[in-house]
Structures are given as C-alpha cells and as structure tokens.
PDB file of N, CA and C in Angstrom:
ATOM      1  N   MET A   1    -122.187  -8.206  46.973  1.00  0.00           N
ATOM      2  CA  MET A   1    -123.052  -7.125  46.984  1.00  0.00           C
ATOM      3  C   MET A   1    -124.554  -7.775  46.946  1.00  0.00           C
ATOM      4  N   ASN A   2    -125.414  -7.029  47.706  1.00  0.00           N
ATOM      5  CA  ASN A   2    -126.829  -7.514  47.747  1.00  0.00           C
ATOM      6  C   ASN A   2    -127.775  -6.578  47.065  1.00  0.00           C
ATOM      7  N   VAL A   3    -128.628  -7.116  46.322  1.00  0.00           N
ATOM      8  CA  VAL A   3    -129.634  -6.342  45.883  1.00  0.00           C
ATOM      9  C   VAL A   3    -131.230  -6.871  46.253  1.00  0.00           C
ATOM     10  N   LYS A   4    -132.098  -6.091  46.288  1.00  0.00           N
ATOM     11  CA  LYS A   4    -133.400  -6.624  46.739  1.00  0.00           C
ATOM     12  C   LYS A   4    -134.110  -6.812  45.311  1.00  0.00           C
ATOM     13  N   PHE A   5    -134.516  -8.015  44.988  1.00  0.00           N
ATOM     14  CA  PHE A   5    -135.111  -8.361  43.628  1.00  0.00           C
ATOM     15  C   PHE A   5    -136.474  -8.825  43.818  1.00  0.00           C
ATOM     16  N   ASN A   6    -137.487  -8.301  43.432  1.00  0.00           N
ATOM     17  CA  ASN A   6    -138.778  -8.655  43.574  1.00  0.00           C
ATOM     18  C   ASN A   6    -139.145  -8.920  44.819  1.00  0.00           C
ATOM     19  N   GLY A   7    -138.689  -8.072  46.016  1.00  0.00           N
ATOM     20  CA  GLY A   7    -138.881  -8.441  47.318  1.00  0.00           C
ATOM     21  C   GLY A   7    -137.959  -9.307  48.066  1.00  0.00           C
ATOM     22  N   ARG A   8    -137.054  -9.952  47.388  1.00  0.00           N
ATOM     23  CA  ARG A   8    -136.224 -10.795  48.139  1.00  0.00           C
ATOM     24  C   ARG A   8    -134.855 -10.392  48.051  1.00  0.00           C
ATOM     25  N   THR A   9    -133.925 -10.549  49.014  1.00  0.00           N
ATOM     26  CA  THR A   9    -132.517 -10.142  48.870  1.00  0.00           C
ATOM     27  C   THR A   9    -131.768 -11.315  48.100  1.00  0.00           C
ATOM     28  N   VAL A  10    -130.896 -10.760  47.199  1.00  0.00           N
ATOM     29  CA  VAL A  10    -130.176 -11.755  46.291  1.00  0.00           C
ATOM     30  C   VAL A  10    -128.739 -11.034  46.317  1.00  0.00           C
ATOM     31  N   GLU A  11    -127.836 -12.161  46.482  1.00  0.00           N
ATOM     32  CA  GLU A  11    -126.444 -11.804  46.467  1.00  0.00           C
ATOM     33  C   GLU A  11    -125.864 -11.904  45.035  1.00  0.00           C
ATOM     34  N   ILE A  12    -125.172 -10.757  44.639  1.00  0.00           N
ATOM     35  CA  ILE A  12    -124.401 -10.884  43.506  1.00  0.00           C
ATOM     36  C   ILE A  12    -122.878 -10.764  43.671  1.00  0.00           C
ATOM     37  N   GLU A  13    -122.272 -11.924  43.205  1.00  0.00           N
ATOM     38  CA  GLU A  13    -120.691 -12.088  43.624  1.00  0.00           C
ATOM     39  C   GLU A  13    -120.005 -11.407  42.610  1.00  0.00           C
ATOM     40  N   GLU A  14    -120.441 -11.045  41.428  1.00  0.00           N
ATOM     41  CA  GLU A  14    -119.554 -10.416  40.331  1.00  0.00           C
ATOM     42  C   GLU A  14    -119.669  -8.883  40.697  1.00  0.00           C
ATOM     43  N   GLN A  15    -118.719  -8.277  40.201  1.00  0.00           N
ATOM     44  CA  GLN A  15    -118.614  -6.639  40.279  1.00  0.00           C
ATOM     45  C   GLN A  15    -119.150  -6.057  38.943  1.00  0.00           C
ATOM     46  N   ASN A  16    -119.616  -4.983  38.929  1.00  0.00           N
ATOM     47  CA  ASN A  16    -119.906  -4.360  37.630  1.00  0.00           C
ATOM     48  C   ASN A  16    -120.855  -4.950  36.736  1.00  0.00           C
ATOM     49  N   VAL A  17    -121.884  -5.417  37.347  1.00  0.00           N
ATOM     50  CA  VAL A  17    -122.926  -6.290  36.706  1.00  0.00           C
ATOM     51  C   VAL A  17    -123.932  -5.159  36.133  1.00  0.00           C
ATOM     52  N   SER A  18    -124.356  -5.364  34.903  1.00  0.00           N
ATOM     53  CA  SER A  18    -125.372  -4.376  34.370  1.00  0.00           C
ATOM     54  C   SER A  18    -126.724  -4.950  34.760  1.00  0.00           C
ATOM     55  N   LEU A  19    -127.655  -4.117  34.711  1.00  0.00           N
ATOM     56  CA  LEU A  19    -129.074  -4.406  34.770  1.00  0.00           C
ATOM     57  C   LEU A  19    -129.416  -5.473  33.738  1.00  0.00           C
ATOM     58  N   TYR A  20    -129.042  -5.250  32.409  1.00  0.00           N
ATOM     59  CA  TYR A  20    -129.227  -6.085  31.460  1.00  0.00           C
ATOM     60  C   TYR A  20    -128.654  -7.690  31.734  1.00  0.00           C
ATOM     61  N   ASP A  21    -127.391  -7.713  32.246  1.00  0.00           N
ATOM     62  CA  ASP A  21    -126.804  -9.073  32.559  1.00  0.00           C
ATOM     63  C   ASP A  21    -127.376  -9.637  33.696  1.00  0.00           C
ATOM     64  N   PHE A  22    -127.882  -8.941  34.594  1.00  0.00           N
ATOM     65  CA  PHE A  22    -128.553  -9.510  35.843  1.00  0.00           C
ATOM     66  C   PHE A  22    -130.037 -10.215  35.303  1.00  0.00           C
ATOM     67  N   LEU A  23    -130.561  -9.424  34.496  1.00  0.00           N
ATOM     68  CA  LEU A  23    -132.020  -9.948  33.931  1.00  0.00           C
ATOM     69  C   LEU A  23    -131.735 -11.227  33.198  1.00  0.00           C
ATOM     70  N   LEU A  24    -130.814 -11.210  32.309  1.00  0.00           N
ATOM     71  CA  LEU A  24    -130.297 -12.454  31.384  1.00  0.00           C
ATOM     72  C   LEU A  24    -130.061 -13.571  32.425  1.00  0.00           C
ATOM     73  N   SER A  25    -129.430 -13.197  33.535  1.00  0.00           N
ATOM     74  CA  SER A  25    -128.893 -14.316  34.455  1.00  0.00           C
ATOM     75  C   SER A  25    -130.217 -14.999  35.075  1.00  0.00           C
ATOM     76  N   LYS A  26    -131.287 -14.213  35.130  1.00  0.00           N
ATOM     77  CA  LYS A  26    -132.572 -14.783  35.787  1.00  0.00           C
ATOM     78  C   LYS A  26    -133.442 -15.281  34.750  1.00  0.00           C
ATOM     79  N   GLN A  27    -132.929 -15.407  33.377  1.00  0.00           N
ATOM     80  CA  GLN A  27    -133.709 -15.993  32.298  1.00  0.00           C
ATOM     81  C   GLN A  27    -134.918 -15.419  31.985  1.00  0.00           C
ATOM     82  N   PHE A  28    -134.961 -14.204  32.053  1.00  0.00           N
ATOM     83  CA  PHE A  28    -136.161 -13.427  31.635  1.00  0.00           C
ATOM     84  C   PHE A  28    -136.331 -13.358  29.926  1.00  0.00           C
ATOM     85  N   GLU A  29    -137.548 -13.219  29.491  1.00  0.00           N
ATOM     86  CA  GLU A  29    -137.630 -13.026  28.117  1.00  0.00           C
ATOM     87  C   GLU A  29    -137.819 -11.453  28.134  1.00  0.00           C
ATOM     88  N   LEU A  30    -136.562 -10.728  27.715  1.00  0.00           N
ATOM     89  CA  LEU A  30    -136.514  -9.341  27.913  1.00  0.00           C
ATOM     90  C   LEU A  30    -137.435  -8.413  27.117  1.00  0.00           C
ATOM     91  N   GLY A  31    -137.985  -9.089  26.042  1.00  0.00           N
ATOM     92  CA  GLY A  31    -138.990  -8.250  25.231  1.00  0.00           C
ATOM     93  C   GLY A  31    -140.240  -7.787  26.009  1.00  0.00           C
ATOM     94  N   ARG A  32    -140.629  -8.639  26.984  1.00  0.00           N
ATOM     95  CA  ARG A  32    -141.915  -8.443  27.631  1.00  0.00           C
ATOM     96  C   ARG A  32    -141.848  -7.914  29.074  1.00  0.00           C
ATOM     97  N   LEU A  33    -140.746  -7.065  29.478  1.00  0.00           N
ATOM     98  CA  LEU A  33    -140.653  -6.702  30.777  1.00  0.00           C
ATOM     99  C   LEU A  33    -140.672  -5.133  30.780  1.00  0.00           C
ATOM    100  N   VAL A  34    -141.053  -4.784  32.001  1.00  0.00           N
ATOM    101  CA  VAL A  34    -140.743  -3.458  32.558  1.00  0.00           C
ATOM    102  C   VAL A  34    -139.999  -3.645  33.879  1.00  0.00           C
ATOM    103  N   VAL A  35    -138.886  -2.884  33.945  1.00  0.00           N
ATOM    104  CA  VAL A  35    -138.199  -2.927  35.159  1.00  0.00           C
ATOM    105  C   VAL A  35    -138.163  -1.554  35.932  1.00  0.00           C
ATOM    106  N   GLU A  36    -138.340  -1.674  37.144  1.00  0.00           N
ATOM    107  CA  GLU A  36    -138.384  -0.616  38.130  1.00  0.00           C
ATOM    108  C   GLU A  36    -137.074  -0.732  38.975  1.00  0.00           C
ATOM    109  N   LEU A  37    -136.136   0.255  38.901  1.00  0.00           N
ATOM    110  CA  LEU A  37    -134.996   0.268  39.610  1.00  0.00           C
ATOM    111  C   LEU A  37    -135.045   1.391  40.825  1.00  0.00           C
ATOM    112  N   ASN A  38    -135.014   1.129  41.909  1.00  0.00           N
ATOM    113  CA  ASN A  38    -135.005   1.944  43.010  1.00  0.00           C
ATOM    114  C   ASN A  38    -136.245   3.004  42.777  1.00  0.00           C
ATOM    115  N   PHE A  39    -137.271   2.258  42.496  1.00  0.00           N
ATOM    116  CA  PHE A  39    -138.727   2.919  42.631  1.00  0.00           C
ATOM    117  C   PHE A  39    -138.877   3.853  41.260  1.00  0.00           C
ATOM    118  N   GLU A  40    -138.058   3.771  40.216  1.00  0.00           N
ATOM    119  CA  GLU A  40    -138.202   4.427  39.075  1.00  0.00           C
ATOM    120  C   GLU A  40    -138.128   3.427  37.891  1.00  0.00           C
ATOM    121  N   ILE A  41    -138.933   3.677  36.789  1.00  0.00           N
ATOM    122  CA  ILE A  41    -138.843   2.892  35.691  1.00  0.00           C
ATOM    123  C   ILE A  41    -137.565   3.044  34.975  1.00  0.00           C
ATOM    124  N   ALA A  42    -136.825   2.035  34.728  1.00  0.00           N
ATOM    125  CA  ALA A  42    -135.433   1.962  34.041  1.00  0.00           C
ATOM    126  C   ALA A  42    -135.818   1.904  32.463  1.00  0.00           C
ATOM    127  N   PRO A  43    -135.445   2.871  31.631  1.00  0.00           N
ATOM    128  CA  PRO A  43    -135.591   2.807  30.213  1.00  0.00           C
ATOM    129  C   PRO A  43    -134.852   1.545  29.617  1.00  0.00           C
ATOM    130  N   ARG A  44    -135.605   0.821  28.910  1.00  0.00           N
ATOM    131  CA  ARG A  44    -134.951  -0.413  28.220  1.00  0.00           C
ATOM    132  C   ARG A  44    -133.726  -0.063  27.518  1.00  0.00           C
ATOM    133  N   GLU A  45    -133.611   1.005  26.957  1.00  0.00           N
ATOM    134  CA  GLU A  45    -132.281   1.319  26.198  1.00  0.00           C
ATOM    135  C   GLU A  45    -130.967   1.710  26.999  1.00  0.00           C
ATOM    136  N   LYS A  46    -131.420   1.842  28.440  1.00  0.00           N
ATOM    137  CA  LYS A  46    -130.206   2.015  29.314  1.00  0.00           C
ATOM    138  C   LYS A  46    -129.778   0.891  30.018  1.00  0.00           C
ATOM    139  N   TRP A  47    -130.637  -0.352  29.902  1.00  0.00           N
ATOM    140  CA  TRP A  47    -130.428  -1.430  30.794  1.00  0.00           C
ATOM    141  C   TRP A  47    -128.921  -1.856  30.727  1.00  0.00           C
ATOM    142  N   ARG A  48    -128.166  -1.864  29.432  1.00  0.00           N
ATOM    143  CA  ARG A  48    -126.790  -2.397  29.259  1.00  0.00           C
ATOM    144  C   ARG A  48    -125.863  -1.395  30.115  1.00  0.00           C
ATOM    145  N   ASP A  49    -126.241  -0.005  30.241  1.00  0.00           N
ATOM    146  CA  ASP A  49    -125.444   0.954  30.842  1.00  0.00           C
ATOM    147  C   ASP A  49    -125.528   1.065  32.315  1.00  0.00           C
ATOM    148  N   ILE A  50    -126.797   0.613  32.785  1.00  0.00           N
ATOM    149  CA  ILE A  50    -127.016   0.676  34.367  1.00  0.00           C
ATOM    150  C   ILE A  50    -126.178  -0.445  34.986  1.00  0.00           C
ATOM    151  N   ILE A  51    -125.224  -0.011  35.717  1.00  0.00           N
ATOM    152  CA  ILE A  51    -124.483  -0.837  36.777  1.00  0.00           C
ATOM    153  C   ILE A  51    -125.134  -0.887  38.077  1.00  0.00           C
ATOM    154  N   LEU A  52    -125.522  -2.193  38.598  1.00  0.00           N
ATOM    155  CA  LEU A  52    -125.987  -2.318  39.786  1.00  0.00           C
ATOM    156  C   LEU A  52    -125.153  -1.996  40.899  1.00  0.00           C
ATOM    157  N   LYS A  53    -125.746  -1.484  41.951  1.00  0.00           N
ATOM    158  CA  LYS A  53    -124.932  -1.097  43.221  1.00  0.00           C
ATOM    159  C   LYS A  53    -125.568  -1.865  44.469  1.00  0.00           C
ATOM    160  N   ASP A  54    -124.682  -2.065  45.390  1.00  0.00           N
ATOM    161  CA  ASP A  54    -125.262  -2.551  46.661  1.00  0.00           C
ATOM    162  C   ASP A  54    -126.380  -1.848  47.204  1.00  0.00           C
ATOM    163  N   ASN A  55    -127.496  -2.675  47.351  1.00  0.00           N
ATOM    164  CA  ASN A  55    -128.746  -2.377  48.161  1.00  0.00           C
ATOM    165  C   ASN A  55    -129.698  -1.701  47.040  1.00  0.00           C
ATOM    166  N   ASP A  56    -129.403  -1.913  45.813  1.00  0.00           N
ATOM    167  CA  ASP A  56    -130.392  -1.430  44.795  1.00  0.00           C
ATOM    168  C   ASP A  56    -131.640  -2.254  44.841  1.00  0.00           C
ATOM    169  N   THR A  57    -132.774  -1.717  44.534  1.00  0.00           N
ATOM    170  CA  THR A  57    -134.120  -2.409  44.452  1.00  0.00           C
ATOM    171  C   THR A  57    -134.642  -2.496  43.154  1.00  0.00           C
ATOM    172  N   ILE A  58    -134.673  -3.787  42.664  1.00  0.00           N
ATOM    173  CA  ILE A  58    -135.194  -4.261  41.383  1.00  0.00           C
ATOM    174  C   ILE A  58    -136.551  -4.953  41.504  1.00  0.00           C
ATOM    175  N   GLU A  59    -137.601  -4.250  40.629  1.00  0.00           N
ATOM    176  CA  GLU A  59    -138.861  -5.013  40.518  1.00  0.00           C
ATOM    177  C   GLU A  59    -139.101  -5.207  39.059  1.00  0.00           C
ATOM    178  N   VAL A  60    -139.384  -6.315  38.732  1.00  0.00           N
ATOM    179  CA  VAL A  60    -139.767  -6.825  37.387  1.00  0.00           C
ATOM    180  C   VAL A  60    -141.126  -7.096  37.127  1.00  0.00           C
ATOM    181  N   LEU A  61    -141.898  -6.553  36.125  1.00  0.00           N
ATOM    182  CA  LEU A  61    -143.096  -6.697  35.828  1.00  0.00           C
ATOM    183  C   LEU A  61    -143.101  -7.505  34.448  1.00  0.00           C
ATOM    184  N   ARG A  62    -143.801  -8.517  34.359  1.00  0.00           N
ATOM    185  CA  ARG A  62    -143.978  -9.169  32.980  1.00  0.00           C
ATOM    186  C   ARG A  62    -145.242  -9.309  32.349  1.00  0.00           C
ATOM    187  N   PHE A  63    -145.273  -8.914  31.110  1.00  0.00           N
ATOM    188  CA  PHE A  63    -146.605  -8.915  30.510  1.00  0.00           C
ATOM    189  C   PHE A  63    -146.816 -10.333  29.912  1.00  0.00           C
ATOM    190  N   VAL A  64    -148.063 -10.759  30.178  1.00  0.00           N
ATOM    191  CA  VAL A  64    -148.501 -12.165  29.613  1.00  0.00           C
ATOM    192  C   VAL A  64    -149.760 -11.906  28.791  1.00  0.00           C
ATOM    193  N   GLY A  65    -150.097 -12.779  27.843  1.00  0.00           N
ATOM    194  CA  GLY A  65    -151.162 -12.633  27.112  1.00  0.00           C
ATOM    195  C   GLY A  65    -152.210 -13.599  27.634  1.00  0.00           C
ATOM    196  N   GLY A  66    -153.448 -13.473  27.517  1.00  0.00           N
ATOM    197  CA  GLY A  66    -154.524 -14.361  27.901  1.00  0.00           C
ATOM    198  C   GLY A  66    -155.745 -14.023  27.302  1.00  0.00           C
ATOM    199  N   GLY A  67    -156.780 -14.683  27.475  1.00  0.00           N
ATOM    200  CA  GLY A  67    -158.052 -14.509  26.935  1.00  0.00           C
ATOM    201  C   GLY A  67    -159.177 -15.008  27.581  1.00  0.00           C
TER     202      GLY A  67
END
C-alpha cells in the first residue's frame, strides 16, 4: 500500500497499520504533533483506531519551542 506522507509517496508493506503505529515507525515525539489525514485534522484520541488505507494523505506538523 502507498500513502502520501508530507508530500512524498511512502510504501507500507504491512496491512492494517494504524496511524499511531505509522507515526511511531517514523520516530516522532507524539506529544507535540498535529496530524492531518486526507485534509482533515485527525483527533489524537483516534490515532490508534484509524487504519491507514491505500492513497491516504498524511501531513504532520511539529511544534517546536524557541526564543
């Protein structure tokens, strides 16, 4: 299955991969993310329940501190 992740096509070999597991596989610090799935914000409490499908579009925004 292929998904578009932050503008790039990524192949996922496993089936039934949750959004949560996908984000973990990309080694994100999950506490500081906003995730858009197919142009809608994916609620954090649903990440484990959302199963990715072929051609899904995922955009990840990270919050960083600075001064």
